[in-house]
Amino acid sequence: LIYIEALCWEYGVDYEMVKAVIQTESSWNHKAVSTSGAIGLMQVLPSTAKSEFNTPKKDLFDPYVNVTVGIKYMAKLNQHFDDTDAMLTAYSHGPTITKKYSNSYISNNFYVKRVQDNLK
């Protein structure tokens, strides 16, 4: 957790939000793999890791690499979206489709609600 906190500070990402995302995404299981192929604690898609940070798929099972990529991706999304709900929706659904969603959907979708519940 110290490592996560330091990365959050370095990249300007809310620490409590990252912990809530990890709880939502993997329930802290660093070996988790989703049906869509997302990997690890922060459920990073190998295609995103490769295209955004040149990180190979096999490295995503390393918890340190996984949270580093996940936090850096959240920081990048924070630069492109005005609020936390939109950033979280982009993290889950993808940034391109998120730009097409209504504000109502963004603030009320299942993923945002689950992360918010895990923040409490």
PDB file of N, CA and C in Angstrom:
ATOM      1  N   LEU A   1       0.816  -1.207   0.000  1.00  0.00           N
ATOM      2  CA  LEU A   1       0.000   0.000   0.000  1.00  0.00           C
ATOM      3  C   LEU A   1       0.857   1.267   0.000  1.00  0.00           C
ATOM      4  N   ILE A   2       2.033   1.185   0.596  1.00  0.00           N
ATOM      5  CA  ILE A   2       2.950   2.329   0.593  1.00  0.00           C
ATOM      6  C   ILE A   2       3.351   2.655  -0.847  1.00  0.00           C
ATOM      7  N   TYR A   3       3.608   1.604  -1.623  1.00  0.00           N
ATOM      8  CA  TYR A   3       3.987   1.764  -3.030  1.00  0.00           C
ATOM      9  C   TYR A   3       2.861   2.461  -3.803  1.00  0.00           C
ATOM     10  N   ILE A   4       1.630   2.023  -3.566  1.00  0.00           N
ATOM     11  CA  ILE A   4       0.473   2.623  -4.247  1.00  0.00           C
ATOM     12  C   ILE A   4       0.336   4.087  -3.847  1.00  0.00           C
ATOM     13  N   GLU A   5       0.482   4.363  -2.567  1.00  0.00           N
ATOM     14  CA  GLU A   5       0.363   5.740  -2.086  1.00  0.00           C
ATOM     15  C   GLU A   5       1.427   6.644  -2.728  1.00  0.00           C
ATOM     16  N   ALA A   6       2.648   6.140  -2.839  1.00  0.00           N
ATOM     17  CA  ALA A   6       3.727   6.919  -3.448  1.00  0.00           C
ATOM     18  C   ALA A   6       3.445   7.184  -4.930  1.00  0.00           C
ATOM     19  N   LEU A   7       2.959   6.180  -5.641  1.00  0.00           N
ATOM     20  CA  LEU A   7       2.610   6.370  -7.060  1.00  0.00           C
ATOM     21  C   LEU A   7       1.484   7.384  -7.216  1.00  0.00           C
ATOM     22  N   CYS A   8       0.495   7.302  -6.341  1.00  0.00           N
ATOM     23  CA  CYS A   8      -0.628   8.246  -6.397  1.00  0.00           C
ATOM     24  C   CYS A   8      -0.127   9.674  -6.214  1.00  0.00           C
ATOM     25  N   TRP A   9       0.762   9.849  -5.273  1.00  0.00           N
ATOM     26  CA  TRP A   9       1.321  11.173  -5.023  1.00  0.00           C
ATOM     27  C   TRP A   9       2.096  11.644  -6.250  1.00  0.00           C
ATOM     28  N   GLU A  10       2.922  10.755  -6.803  1.00  0.00           N
ATOM     29  CA  GLU A  10       3.756  11.116  -7.951  1.00  0.00           C
ATOM     30  C   GLU A  10       2.927  11.496  -9.177  1.00  0.00           C
ATOM     31  N   TYR A  11       1.827  10.787  -9.407  1.00  0.00           N
ATOM     32  CA  TYR A  11       1.029  11.019 -10.618  1.00  0.00           C
ATOM     33  C   TYR A  11      -0.236  11.840 -10.363  1.00  0.00           C
ATOM     34  N   GLY A  12      -0.436  12.287  -9.134  1.00  0.00           N
ATOM     35  CA  GLY A  12      -1.576  13.148  -8.833  1.00  0.00           C
ATOM     36  C   GLY A  12      -2.917  12.443  -8.919  1.00  0.00           C
ATOM     37  N   VAL A  13      -2.942  11.183  -8.482  1.00  0.00           N
ATOM     38  CA  VAL A  13      -4.177  10.395  -8.501  1.00  0.00           C
ATOM     39  C   VAL A  13      -4.597  10.141  -7.052  1.00  0.00           C
ATOM     40  N   ASP A  14      -5.887  10.245  -6.782  1.00  0.00           N
ATOM     41  CA  ASP A  14      -6.409  10.075  -5.426  1.00  0.00           C
ATOM     42  C   ASP A  14      -6.186   8.639  -4.928  1.00  0.00           C
ATOM     43  N   TYR A  15      -5.492   8.533  -3.809  1.00  0.00           N
ATOM     44  CA  TYR A  15      -5.129   7.243  -3.222  1.00  0.00           C
ATOM     45  C   TYR A  15      -6.353   6.410  -2.847  1.00  0.00           C
ATOM     46  N   GLU A  16      -7.322   7.039  -2.197  1.00  0.00           N
ATOM     47  CA  GLU A  16      -8.536   6.313  -1.789  1.00  0.00           C
ATOM     48  C   GLU A  16      -9.297   5.817  -3.015  1.00  0.00           C
ATOM     49  N   MET A  17      -9.288   6.600  -4.096  1.00  0.00           N
ATOM     50  CA  MET A  17      -9.951   6.207  -5.330  1.00  0.00           C
ATOM     51  C   MET A  17      -9.268   4.982  -5.932  1.00  0.00           C
ATOM     52  N   VAL A  18      -7.940   4.956  -5.921  1.00  0.00           N
ATOM     53  CA  VAL A  18      -7.211   3.802  -6.455  1.00  0.00           C
ATOM     54  C   VAL A  18      -7.537   2.553  -5.643  1.00  0.00           C
ATOM     55  N   LYS A  19      -7.570   2.661  -4.337  1.00  0.00           N
ATOM     56  CA  LYS A  19      -7.922   1.506  -3.505  1.00  0.00           C
ATOM     57  C   LYS A  19      -9.341   1.027  -3.825  1.00  0.00           C
ATOM     58  N   ALA A  20     -10.261   1.955  -4.051  1.00  0.00           N
ATOM     59  CA  ALA A  20     -11.646   1.587  -4.400  1.00  0.00           C
ATOM     60  C   ALA A  20     -11.703   0.918  -5.776  1.00  0.00           C
ATOM     61  N   VAL A  21     -10.898   1.400  -6.721  1.00  0.00           N
ATOM     62  CA  VAL A  21     -10.849   0.780  -8.052  1.00  0.00           C
ATOM     63  C   VAL A  21     -10.297  -0.644  -7.939  1.00  0.00           C
ATOM     64  N   ILE A  22      -9.243  -0.832  -7.167  1.00  0.00           N
ATOM     65  CA  ILE A  22      -8.671  -2.175  -7.000  1.00  0.00           C
ATOM     66  C   ILE A  22      -9.703  -3.112  -6.367  1.00  0.00           C
ATOM     67  N   GLN A  23     -10.393  -2.637  -5.346  1.00  0.00           N
ATOM     68  CA  GLN A  23     -11.436  -3.453  -4.700  1.00  0.00           C
ATOM     69  C   GLN A  23     -12.528  -3.813  -5.713  1.00  0.00           C
ATOM     70  N   THR A  24     -12.947  -2.845  -6.505  1.00  0.00           N
ATOM     71  CA  THR A  24     -14.001  -3.059  -7.496  1.00  0.00           C
ATOM     72  C   THR A  24     -13.542  -4.004  -8.603  1.00  0.00           C
ATOM     73  N   GLU A  25     -12.344  -3.786  -9.082  1.00  0.00           N
ATOM     74  CA  GLU A  25     -11.844  -4.529 -10.239  1.00  0.00           C
ATOM     75  C   GLU A  25     -11.466  -5.973  -9.917  1.00  0.00           C
ATOM     76  N   SER A  26     -10.762  -6.193  -8.810  1.00  0.00           N
ATOM     77  CA  SER A  26     -10.183  -7.513  -8.574  1.00  0.00           C
ATOM     78  C   SER A  26     -10.351  -8.041  -7.156  1.00  0.00           C
ATOM     79  N   SER A  27     -10.959  -7.268  -6.278  1.00  0.00           N
ATOM     80  CA  SER A  27     -11.032  -7.628  -4.856  1.00  0.00           C
ATOM     81  C   SER A  27      -9.645  -7.963  -4.310  1.00  0.00           C
ATOM     82  N   TRP A  28      -8.635  -7.229  -4.792  1.00  0.00           N
ATOM     83  CA  TRP A  28      -7.240  -7.352  -4.367  1.00  0.00           C
ATOM     84  C   TRP A  28      -6.607  -8.699  -4.756  1.00  0.00           C
ATOM     85  N   ASN A  29      -7.129  -9.333  -5.816  1.00  0.00           N
ATOM     86  CA  ASN A  29      -6.552 -10.576  -6.326  1.00  0.00           C
ATOM     87  C   ASN A  29      -5.623 -10.243  -7.486  1.00  0.00           C
ATOM     88  N   HIS A  30      -4.318 -10.313  -7.245  1.00  0.00           N
ATOM     89  CA  HIS A  30      -3.354  -9.921  -8.286  1.00  0.00           C
ATOM     90  C   HIS A  30      -3.295 -10.914  -9.453  1.00  0.00           C
ATOM     91  N   LYS A  31      -3.944 -12.070  -9.307  1.00  0.00           N
ATOM     92  CA  LYS A  31      -3.979 -13.054 -10.389  1.00  0.00           C
ATOM     93  C   LYS A  31      -5.289 -13.024 -11.173  1.00  0.00           C
ATOM     94  N   ALA A  32      -6.149 -12.066 -10.855  1.00  0.00           N
ATOM     95  CA  ALA A  32      -7.466 -11.988 -11.507  1.00  0.00           C
ATOM     96  C   ALA A  32      -7.337 -11.747 -13.017  1.00  0.00           C
ATOM     97  N   VAL A  33      -8.180 -12.441 -13.775  1.00  0.00           N
ATOM     98  CA  VAL A  33      -8.287 -12.224 -15.221  1.00  0.00           C
ATOM     99  C   VAL A  33      -9.780 -12.170 -15.538  1.00  0.00           C
ATOM    100  N   SER A  34     -10.222 -11.102 -16.189  1.00  0.00           N
ATOM    101  CA  SER A  34     -11.641 -10.943 -16.506  1.00  0.00           C
ATOM    102  C   SER A  34     -11.997 -11.655 -17.808  1.00  0.00           C
ATOM    103  N   THR A  35     -13.283 -11.746 -18.082  1.00  0.00           N
ATOM    104  CA  THR A  35     -13.742 -12.354 -19.330  1.00  0.00           C
ATOM    105  C   THR A  35     -13.277 -11.550 -20.544  1.00  0.00           C
ATOM    106  N   SER A  36     -13.012 -10.261 -20.347  1.00  0.00           N
ATOM    107  CA  SER A  36     -12.518  -9.431 -21.459  1.00  0.00           C
ATOM    108  C   SER A  36     -10.995  -9.491 -21.596  1.00  0.00           C
ATOM    109  N   GLY A  37     -10.350 -10.246 -20.684  1.00  0.00           N
ATOM    110  CA  GLY A  37      -8.900 -10.412 -20.757  1.00  0.00           C
ATOM    111  C   GLY A  37      -8.106  -9.413 -19.944  1.00  0.00           C
ATOM    112  N   ALA A  38      -8.794  -8.581 -19.149  1.00  0.00           N
ATOM    113  CA  ALA A  38      -8.093  -7.630 -18.281  1.00  0.00           C
ATOM    114  C   ALA A  38      -7.400  -8.406 -17.159  1.00  0.00           C
ATOM    115  N   ILE A  39      -6.254  -7.896 -16.742  1.00  0.00           N
ATOM    116  CA  ILE A  39      -5.358  -8.652 -15.852  1.00  0.00           C
ATOM    117  C   ILE A  39      -5.024  -7.885 -14.573  1.00  0.00           C
ATOM    118  N   GLY A  40      -4.941  -8.653 -13.483  1.00  0.00           N
ATOM    119  CA  GLY A  40      -4.339  -8.165 -12.247  1.00  0.00           C
ATOM    120  C   GLY A  40      -5.195  -7.296 -11.362  1.00  0.00           C
ATOM    121  N   LEU A  41      -4.519  -6.679 -10.392  1.00  0.00           N
ATOM    122  CA  LEU A  41      -5.192  -5.876  -9.366  1.00  0.00           C
ATOM    123  C   LEU A  41      -6.105  -4.808  -9.951  1.00  0.00           C
ATOM    124  N   MET A  42      -5.597  -4.089 -10.953  1.00  0.00           N
ATOM    125  CA  MET A  42      -6.372  -2.978 -11.527  1.00  0.00           C
ATOM    126  C   MET A  42      -7.045  -3.358 -12.844  1.00  0.00           C
ATOM    127  N   GLN A  43      -7.010  -4.661 -13.174  1.00  0.00           N
ATOM    128  CA  GLN A  43      -7.672  -5.186 -14.366  1.00  0.00           C
ATOM    129  C   GLN A  43      -7.334  -4.358 -15.605  1.00  0.00           C
ATOM    130  N   VAL A  44      -6.055  -4.337 -15.913  1.00  0.00           N
ATOM    131  CA  VAL A  44      -5.540  -3.601 -17.069  1.00  0.00           C
ATOM    132  C   VAL A  44      -5.627  -4.501 -18.299  1.00  0.00           C
ATOM    133  N   LEU A  45      -6.159  -3.956 -19.374  1.00  0.00           N
ATOM    134  CA  LEU A  45      -6.187  -4.697 -20.640  1.00  0.00           C
ATOM    135  C   LEU A  45      -4.780  -4.729 -21.233  1.00  0.00           C
ATOM    136  N   PRO A  46      -4.327  -5.894 -21.675  1.00  0.00           N
ATOM    137  CA  PRO A  46      -3.000  -5.968 -22.288  1.00  0.00           C
ATOM    138  C   PRO A  46      -2.830  -4.998 -23.460  1.00  0.00           C
ATOM    139  N   SER A  47      -3.871  -4.800 -24.243  1.00  0.00           N
ATOM    140  CA  SER A  47      -3.784  -3.879 -25.387  1.00  0.00           C
ATOM    141  C   SER A  47      -3.543  -2.443 -24.919  1.00  0.00           C
ATOM    142  N   THR A  48      -4.189  -2.048 -23.835  1.00  0.00           N
ATOM    143  CA  THR A  48      -3.995  -0.702 -23.278  1.00  0.00           C
ATOM    144  C   THR A  48      -2.582  -0.564 -22.718  1.00  0.00           C
ATOM    145  N   ALA A  49      -2.139  -1.572 -21.974  1.00  0.00           N
ATOM    146  CA  ALA A  49      -0.794  -1.532 -21.384  1.00  0.00           C
ATOM    147  C   ALA A  49       0.262  -1.414 -22.478  1.00  0.00           C
ATOM    148  N   LYS A  50       0.064  -2.136 -23.571  1.00  0.00           N
ATOM    149  CA  LYS A  50       1.030  -2.137 -24.660  1.00  0.00           C
ATOM    150  C   LYS A  50       0.997  -0.811 -25.420  1.00  0.00           C
ATOM    151  N   SER A  51      -0.206  -0.362 -25.792  1.00  0.00           N
ATOM    152  CA  SER A  51      -0.300   0.848 -26.622  1.00  0.00           C
ATOM    153  C   SER A  51       0.039   2.121 -25.840  1.00  0.00           C
ATOM    154  N   GLU A  52      -0.335   2.180 -24.575  1.00  0.00           N
ATOM    155  CA  GLU A  52      -0.134   3.397 -23.786  1.00  0.00           C
ATOM    156  C   GLU A  52       1.255   3.459 -23.130  1.00  0.00           C
ATOM    157  N   PHE A  53       1.761   2.302 -22.685  1.00  0.00           N
ATOM    158  CA  PHE A  53       2.980   2.312 -21.866  1.00  0.00           C
ATOM    159  C   PHE A  53       4.024   1.285 -22.312  1.00  0.00           C
ATOM    160  N   ASN A  54       3.780   0.630 -23.441  1.00  0.00           N
ATOM    161  CA  ASN A  54       4.694  -0.377 -23.982  1.00  0.00           C
ATOM    162  C   ASN A  54       5.016  -1.468 -22.952  1.00  0.00           C
ATOM    163  N   THR A  55       4.007  -1.855 -22.178  1.00  0.00           N
ATOM    164  CA  THR A  55       4.161  -2.893 -21.161  1.00  0.00           C
ATOM    165  C   THR A  55       3.625  -4.213 -21.701  1.00  0.00           C
ATOM    166  N   PRO A  56       4.453  -5.269 -21.719  1.00  0.00           N
ATOM    167  CA  PRO A  56       3.992  -6.564 -22.227  1.00  0.00           C
ATOM    168  C   PRO A  56       2.966  -7.224 -21.310  1.00  0.00           C
ATOM    169  N   LYS A  57       2.098  -8.020 -21.902  1.00  0.00           N
ATOM    170  CA  LYS A  57       1.027  -8.712 -21.177  1.00  0.00           C
ATOM    171  C   LYS A  57       1.556  -9.483 -19.966  1.00  0.00           C
ATOM    172  N   LYS A  58       2.631 -10.230 -20.133  1.00  0.00           N
ATOM    173  CA  LYS A  58       3.141 -11.081 -19.044  1.00  0.00           C
ATOM    174  C   LYS A  58       3.520 -10.262 -17.810  1.00  0.00           C
ATOM    175  N   ASP A  59       3.902  -9.026 -18.000  1.00  0.00           N
ATOM    176  CA  ASP A  59       4.303  -8.174 -16.872  1.00  0.00           C
ATOM    177  C   ASP A  59       3.121  -7.709 -16.032  1.00  0.00           C
ATOM    178  N   LEU A  60       1.906  -7.779 -16.584  1.00  0.00           N
ATOM    179  CA  LEU A  60       0.727  -7.282 -15.864  1.00  0.00           C
ATOM    180  C   LEU A  60       0.348  -8.138 -14.664  1.00  0.00           C
ATOM    181  N   PHE A  61       0.876  -9.362 -14.587  1.00  0.00           N
ATOM    182  CA  PHE A  61       0.608 -10.200 -13.415  1.00  0.00           C
ATOM    183  C   PHE A  61       1.459  -9.788 -12.220  1.00  0.00           C
ATOM    184  N   ASP A  62       2.503  -8.999 -12.443  1.00  0.00           N
ATOM    185  CA  ASP A  62       3.313  -8.466 -11.351  1.00  0.00           C
ATOM    186  C   ASP A  62       2.519  -7.321 -10.716  1.00  0.00           C
ATOM    187  N   PRO A  63       2.156  -7.448  -9.438  1.00  0.00           N
ATOM    188  CA  PRO A  63       1.323  -6.417  -8.810  1.00  0.00           C
ATOM    189  C   PRO A  63       1.923  -5.006  -8.900  1.00  0.00           C
ATOM    190  N   TYR A  64       3.233  -4.893  -8.810  1.00  0.00           N
ATOM    191  CA  TYR A  64       3.865  -3.570  -8.873  1.00  0.00           C
ATOM    192  C   TYR A  64       3.715  -2.965 -10.263  1.00  0.00           C
ATOM    193  N   VAL A  65       3.938  -3.772 -11.288  1.00  0.00           N
ATOM    194  CA  VAL A  65       3.778  -3.292 -12.660  1.00  0.00           C
ATOM    195  C   VAL A  65       2.312  -2.950 -12.908  1.00  0.00           C
ATOM    196  N   ASN A  66       1.416  -3.806 -12.460  1.00  0.00           N
ATOM    197  CA  ASN A  66      -0.005  -3.614 -12.701  1.00  0.00           C
ATOM    198  C   ASN A  66      -0.515  -2.305 -12.100  1.00  0.00           C
ATOM    199  N   VAL A  67      -0.194  -2.048 -10.829  1.00  0.00           N
ATOM    200  CA  VAL A  67      -0.684  -0.806 -10.220  1.00  0.00           C
ATOM    201  C   VAL A  67       0.020   0.410 -10.818  1.00  0.00           C
ATOM    202  N   THR A  68       1.257   0.255 -11.232  1.00  0.00           N
ATOM    203  CA  THR A  68       1.950   1.374 -11.875  1.00  0.00           C
ATOM    204  C   THR A  68       1.246   1.751 -13.175  1.00  0.00           C
ATOM    205  N   VAL A  69       0.972   0.760 -14.000  1.00  0.00           N
ATOM    206  CA  VAL A  69       0.284   1.013 -15.268  1.00  0.00           C
ATOM    207  C   VAL A  69      -1.127   1.557 -15.007  1.00  0.00           C
ATOM    208  N   GLY A  70      -1.844   0.948 -14.062  1.00  0.00           N
ATOM    209  CA  GLY A  70      -3.205   1.391 -13.753  1.00  0.00           C
ATOM    210  C   GLY A  70      -3.254   2.832 -13.267  1.00  0.00           C
ATOM    211  N   ILE A  71      -2.358   3.198 -12.381  1.00  0.00           N
ATOM    212  CA  ILE A  71      -2.331   4.564 -11.845  1.00  0.00           C
ATOM    213  C   ILE A  71      -1.903   5.559 -12.920  1.00  0.00           C
ATOM    214  N   LYS A  72      -0.906   5.199 -13.720  1.00  0.00           N
ATOM    215  CA  LYS A  72      -0.491   6.090 -14.804  1.00  0.00           C
ATOM    216  C   LYS A  72      -1.628   6.283 -15.807  1.00  0.00           C
ATOM    217  N   TYR A  73      -2.397   5.227 -16.054  1.00  0.00           N
ATOM    218  CA  TYR A  73      -3.538   5.328 -16.975  1.00  0.00           C
ATOM    219  C   TYR A  73      -4.620   6.220 -16.371  1.00  0.00           C
ATOM    220  N   MET A  74      -4.887   6.067 -15.084  1.00  0.00           N
ATOM    221  CA  MET A  74      -5.872   6.942 -14.431  1.00  0.00           C
ATOM    222  C   MET A  74      -5.414   8.400 -14.501  1.00  0.00           C
ATOM    223  N   ALA A  75      -4.128   8.642 -14.305  1.00  0.00           N
ATOM    224  CA  ALA A  75      -3.592  10.010 -14.388  1.00  0.00           C
ATOM    225  C   ALA A  75      -3.803  10.575 -15.792  1.00  0.00           C
ATOM    226  N   LYS A  76      -3.568   9.762 -16.790  1.00  0.00           N
ATOM    227  CA  LYS A  76      -3.764  10.187 -18.177  1.00  0.00           C
ATOM    228  C   LYS A  76      -5.239  10.504 -18.450  1.00  0.00           C
ATOM    229  N   LEU A  77      -6.123   9.646 -17.959  1.00  0.00           N
ATOM    230  CA  LEU A  77      -7.562   9.880 -18.136  1.00  0.00           C
ATOM    231  C   LEU A  77      -8.008  11.140 -17.406  1.00  0.00           C
ATOM    232  N   ASN A  78      -7.411  11.402 -16.240  1.00  0.00           N
ATOM    233  CA  ASN A  78      -7.743  12.623 -15.486  1.00  0.00           C
ATOM    234  C   ASN A  78      -7.472  13.886 -16.308  1.00  0.00           C
ATOM    235  N   GLN A  79      -6.500  13.815 -17.205  1.00  0.00           N
ATOM    236  CA  GLN A  79      -6.165  14.976 -18.047  1.00  0.00           C
ATOM    237  C   GLN A  79      -7.201  15.193 -19.150  1.00  0.00           C
ATOM    238  N   HIS A  80      -7.939  14.143 -19.499  1.00  0.00           N
ATOM    239  CA  HIS A  80      -8.876  14.215 -20.621  1.00  0.00           C
ATOM    240  C   HIS A  80     -10.341  14.331 -20.210  1.00  0.00           C
ATOM    241  N   PHE A  81     -10.634  14.089 -18.944  1.00  0.00           N
ATOM    242  CA  PHE A  81     -12.019  14.131 -18.478  1.00  0.00           C
ATOM    243  C   PHE A  81     -12.132  15.093 -17.301  1.00  0.00           C
ATOM    244  N   ASP A  82     -13.233  15.830 -17.286  1.00  0.00           N
ATOM    245  CA  ASP A  82     -13.420  16.919 -16.330  1.00  0.00           C
ATOM    246  C   ASP A  82     -13.728  16.473 -14.908  1.00  0.00           C
ATOM    247  N   ASP A  83     -14.323  15.301 -14.762  1.00  0.00           N
ATOM    248  CA  ASP A  83     -14.705  14.902 -13.407  1.00  0.00           C
ATOM    249  C   ASP A  83     -14.387  13.435 -13.151  1.00  0.00           C
ATOM    250  N   THR A  84     -14.475  13.055 -11.910  1.00  0.00           N
ATOM    251  CA  THR A  84     -14.111  11.704 -11.479  1.00  0.00           C
ATOM    252  C   THR A  84     -15.018  10.654 -12.101  1.00  0.00           C
ATOM    253  N   ASP A  85     -16.321  10.917 -12.159  1.00  0.00           N
ATOM    254  CA  ASP A  85     -17.238   9.934 -12.736  1.00  0.00           C
ATOM    255  C   ASP A  85     -16.886   9.636 -14.188  1.00  0.00           C
ATOM    256  N   ALA A  86     -16.571  10.665 -14.960  1.00  0.00           N
ATOM    257  CA  ALA A  86     -16.201  10.467 -16.367  1.00  0.00           C
ATOM    258  C   ALA A  86     -14.869   9.714 -16.467  1.00  0.00           C
ATOM    259  N   MET A  87     -13.922  10.037 -15.604  1.00  0.00           N
ATOM    260  CA  MET A  87     -12.634   9.328 -15.611  1.00  0.00           C
ATOM    261  C   MET A  87     -12.847   7.854 -15.285  1.00  0.00           C
ATOM    262  N   LEU A  88     -13.675   7.559 -14.286  1.00  0.00           N
ATOM    263  CA  LEU A  88     -13.936   6.166 -13.915  1.00  0.00           C
ATOM    264  C   LEU A  88     -14.658   5.425 -15.032  1.00  0.00           C
ATOM    265  N   THR A  89     -15.607   6.079 -15.667  1.00  0.00           N
ATOM    266  CA  THR A  89     -16.315   5.461 -16.792  1.00  0.00           C
ATOM    267  C   THR A  89     -15.333   5.158 -17.921  1.00  0.00           C
ATOM    268  N   ALA A  90     -14.434   6.088 -18.198  1.00  0.00           N
ATOM    269  CA  ALA A  90     -13.417   5.866 -19.234  1.00  0.00           C
ATOM    270  C   ALA A  90     -12.482   4.729 -18.845  1.00  0.00           C
ATOM    271  N   TYR A  91     -12.149   4.622 -17.565  1.00  0.00           N
ATOM    272  CA  TYR A  91     -11.273   3.533 -17.101  1.00  0.00           C
ATOM    273  C   TYR A  91     -11.943   2.187 -17.360  1.00  0.00           C
ATOM    274  N   SER A  92     -13.229   2.119 -17.113  1.00  0.00           N
ATOM    275  CA  SER A  92     -13.957   0.864 -17.257  1.00  0.00           C
ATOM    276  C   SER A  92     -14.407   0.579 -18.691  1.00  0.00           C
ATOM    277  N   HIS A  93     -14.966   1.584 -19.347  1.00  0.00           N
ATOM    278  CA  HIS A  93     -15.615   1.390 -20.650  1.00  0.00           C
ATOM    279  C   HIS A  93     -14.719   1.756 -21.829  1.00  0.00           C
ATOM    280  N   GLY A  94     -13.695   2.557 -21.553  1.00  0.00           N
ATOM    281  CA  GLY A  94     -12.824   3.064 -22.611  1.00  0.00           C
ATOM    282  C   GLY A  94     -13.092   4.536 -22.862  1.00  0.00           C
ATOM    283  N   PRO A  95     -12.042   5.313 -23.138  1.00  0.00           N
ATOM    284  CA  PRO A  95     -12.196   6.763 -23.297  1.00  0.00           C
ATOM    285  C   PRO A  95     -12.993   7.176 -24.537  1.00  0.00           C
ATOM    286  N   THR A  96     -12.872   6.451 -25.620  1.00  0.00           N
ATOM    287  CA  THR A  96     -13.557   6.852 -26.855  1.00  0.00           C
ATOM    288  C   THR A  96     -15.069   6.788 -26.694  1.00  0.00           C
ATOM    289  N   ILE A  97     -15.577   5.668 -26.179  1.00  0.00           N
ATOM    290  CA  ILE A  97     -17.028   5.523 -26.004  1.00  0.00           C
ATOM    291  C   ILE A  97     -17.542   6.450 -24.906  1.00  0.00           C
ATOM    292  N   THR A  98     -16.729   6.687 -23.882  1.00  0.00           N
ATOM    293  CA  THR A  98     -17.166   7.544 -22.777  1.00  0.00           C
ATOM    294  C   THR A  98     -17.507   8.942 -23.272  1.00  0.00           C
ATOM    295  N   LYS A  99     -16.750   9.439 -24.251  1.00  0.00           N
ATOM    296  CA  LYS A  99     -17.015  10.783 -24.789  1.00  0.00           C
ATOM    297  C   LYS A  99     -18.378  10.881 -25.461  1.00  0.00           C
ATOM    298  N   LYS A 100     -18.963   9.738 -25.816  1.00  0.00           N
ATOM    299  CA  LYS A 100     -20.265   9.722 -26.491  1.00  0.00           C
ATOM    300  C   LYS A 100     -21.424   9.555 -25.510  1.00  0.00           C
ATOM    301  N   TYR A 101     -21.126   9.208 -24.269  1.00  0.00           N
ATOM    302  CA  TYR A 101     -22.173   8.971 -23.277  1.00  0.00           C
ATOM    303  C   TYR A 101     -22.750  10.278 -22.738  1.00  0.00           C
ATOM    304  N   SER A 102     -24.002  10.204 -22.322  1.00  0.00           N
ATOM    305  CA  SER A 102     -24.648  11.358 -21.684  1.00  0.00           C
ATOM    306  C   SER A 102     -24.093  11.532 -20.273  1.00  0.00           C
ATOM    307  N   ASN A 103     -24.206  12.749 -19.755  1.00  0.00           N
ATOM    308  CA  ASN A 103     -23.781  13.007 -18.374  1.00  0.00           C
ATOM    309  C   ASN A 103     -24.560  12.146 -17.394  1.00  0.00           C
ATOM    310  N   SER A 104     -25.833  11.912 -17.711  1.00  0.00           N
ATOM    311  CA  SER A 104     -26.674  11.088 -16.844  1.00  0.00           C
ATOM    312  C   SER A 104     -26.131   9.659 -16.766  1.00  0.00           C
ATOM    313  N   TYR A 105     -25.764   9.097 -17.913  1.00  0.00           N
ATOM    314  CA  TYR A 105     -25.208   7.742 -17.903  1.00  0.00           C
ATOM    315  C   TYR A 105     -23.889   7.707 -17.130  1.00  0.00           C
ATOM    316  N   ILE A 106     -23.041   8.680 -17.407  1.00  0.00           N
ATOM    317  CA  ILE A 106     -21.721   8.714 -16.754  1.00  0.00           C
ATOM    318  C   ILE A 106     -21.856   8.750 -15.238  1.00  0.00           C
ATOM    319  N   SER A 107     -22.768   9.536 -14.733  1.00  0.00           N
ATOM    320  CA  SER A 107     -22.872   9.663 -13.275  1.00  0.00           C
ATOM    321  C   SER A 107     -23.677   8.536 -12.624  1.00  0.00           C
ATOM    322  N   ASN A 108     -24.352   7.721 -13.433  1.00  0.00           N
ATOM    323  CA  ASN A 108     -25.212   6.682 -12.854  1.00  0.00           C
ATOM    324  C   ASN A 108     -24.882   5.262 -13.303  1.00  0.00           C
ATOM    325  N   ASN A 109     -23.786   5.051 -14.026  1.00  0.00           N
ATOM    326  CA  ASN A 109     -23.524   3.696 -14.512  1.00  0.00           C
ATOM    327  C   ASN A 109     -23.047   2.776 -13.392  1.00  0.00           C
ATOM    328  N   PHE A 110     -23.190   1.477 -13.634  1.00  0.00           N
ATOM    329  CA  PHE A 110     -22.903   0.457 -12.615  1.00  0.00           C
ATOM    330  C   PHE A 110     -21.476   0.547 -12.080  1.00  0.00           C
ATOM    331  N   TYR A 111     -20.525   0.830 -12.950  1.00  0.00           N
ATOM    332  CA  TYR A 111     -19.120   0.835 -12.515  1.00  0.00           C
ATOM    333  C   TYR A 111     -18.851   1.990 -11.556  1.00  0.00           C
ATOM    334  N   VAL A 112     -19.304   3.174 -11.914  1.00  0.00           N
ATOM    335  CA  VAL A 112     -19.120   4.344 -11.048  1.00  0.00           C
ATOM    336  C   VAL A 112     -19.774   4.090  -9.696  1.00  0.00           C
ATOM    337  N   LYS A 113     -20.966   3.513  -9.699  1.00  0.00           N
ATOM    338  CA  LYS A 113     -21.673   3.227  -8.443  1.00  0.00           C
ATOM    339  C   LYS A 113     -20.884   2.226  -7.584  1.00  0.00           C
ATOM    340  N   ARG A 114     -20.328   1.204  -8.210  1.00  0.00           N
ATOM    341  CA  ARG A 114     -19.561   0.198  -7.451  1.00  0.00           C
ATOM    342  C   ARG A 114     -18.298   0.811  -6.845  1.00  0.00           C
ATOM    343  N   VAL A 115     -17.588   1.626  -7.614  1.00  0.00           N
ATOM    344  CA  VAL A 115     -16.387   2.259  -7.071  1.00  0.00           C
ATOM    345  C   VAL A 115     -16.776   3.194  -5.923  1.00  0.00           C
ATOM    346  N   GLN A 116     -17.827   3.977  -6.116  1.00  0.00           N
ATOM    347  CA  GLN A 116     -18.273   4.891  -5.051  1.00  0.00           C
ATOM    348  C   GLN A 116     -18.662   4.125  -3.790  1.00  0.00           C
ATOM    349  N   ASP A 117     -19.315   2.976  -3.951  1.00  0.00           N
ATOM    350  CA  ASP A 117     -19.672   2.145  -2.791  1.00  0.00           C
ATOM    351  C   ASP A 117     -18.424   1.656  -2.074  1.00  0.00           C
ATOM    352  N   ASN A 118     -17.377   1.343  -2.834  1.00  0.00           N
ATOM    353  CA  ASN A 118     -16.126   0.865  -2.235  1.00  0.00           C
ATOM    354  C   ASN A 118     -15.309   1.994  -1.616  1.00  0.00           C
ATOM    355  N   LEU A 119     -15.643   3.229  -1.931  1.00  0.00           N
ATOM    356  CA  LEU A 119     -14.974   4.383  -1.319  1.00  0.00           C
ATOM    357  C   LEU A 119     -15.466   4.613   0.106  1.00  0.00           C
ATOM    358  N   LYS A 120     -16.654   4.152   0.383  1.00  0.00           N
ATOM    359  CA  LYS A 120     -17.285   4.431   1.677  1.00  0.00           C
ATOM    360  C   LYS A 120     -16.736   3.559   2.788  1.00  0.00           C
TER     361      LYS A 120
END
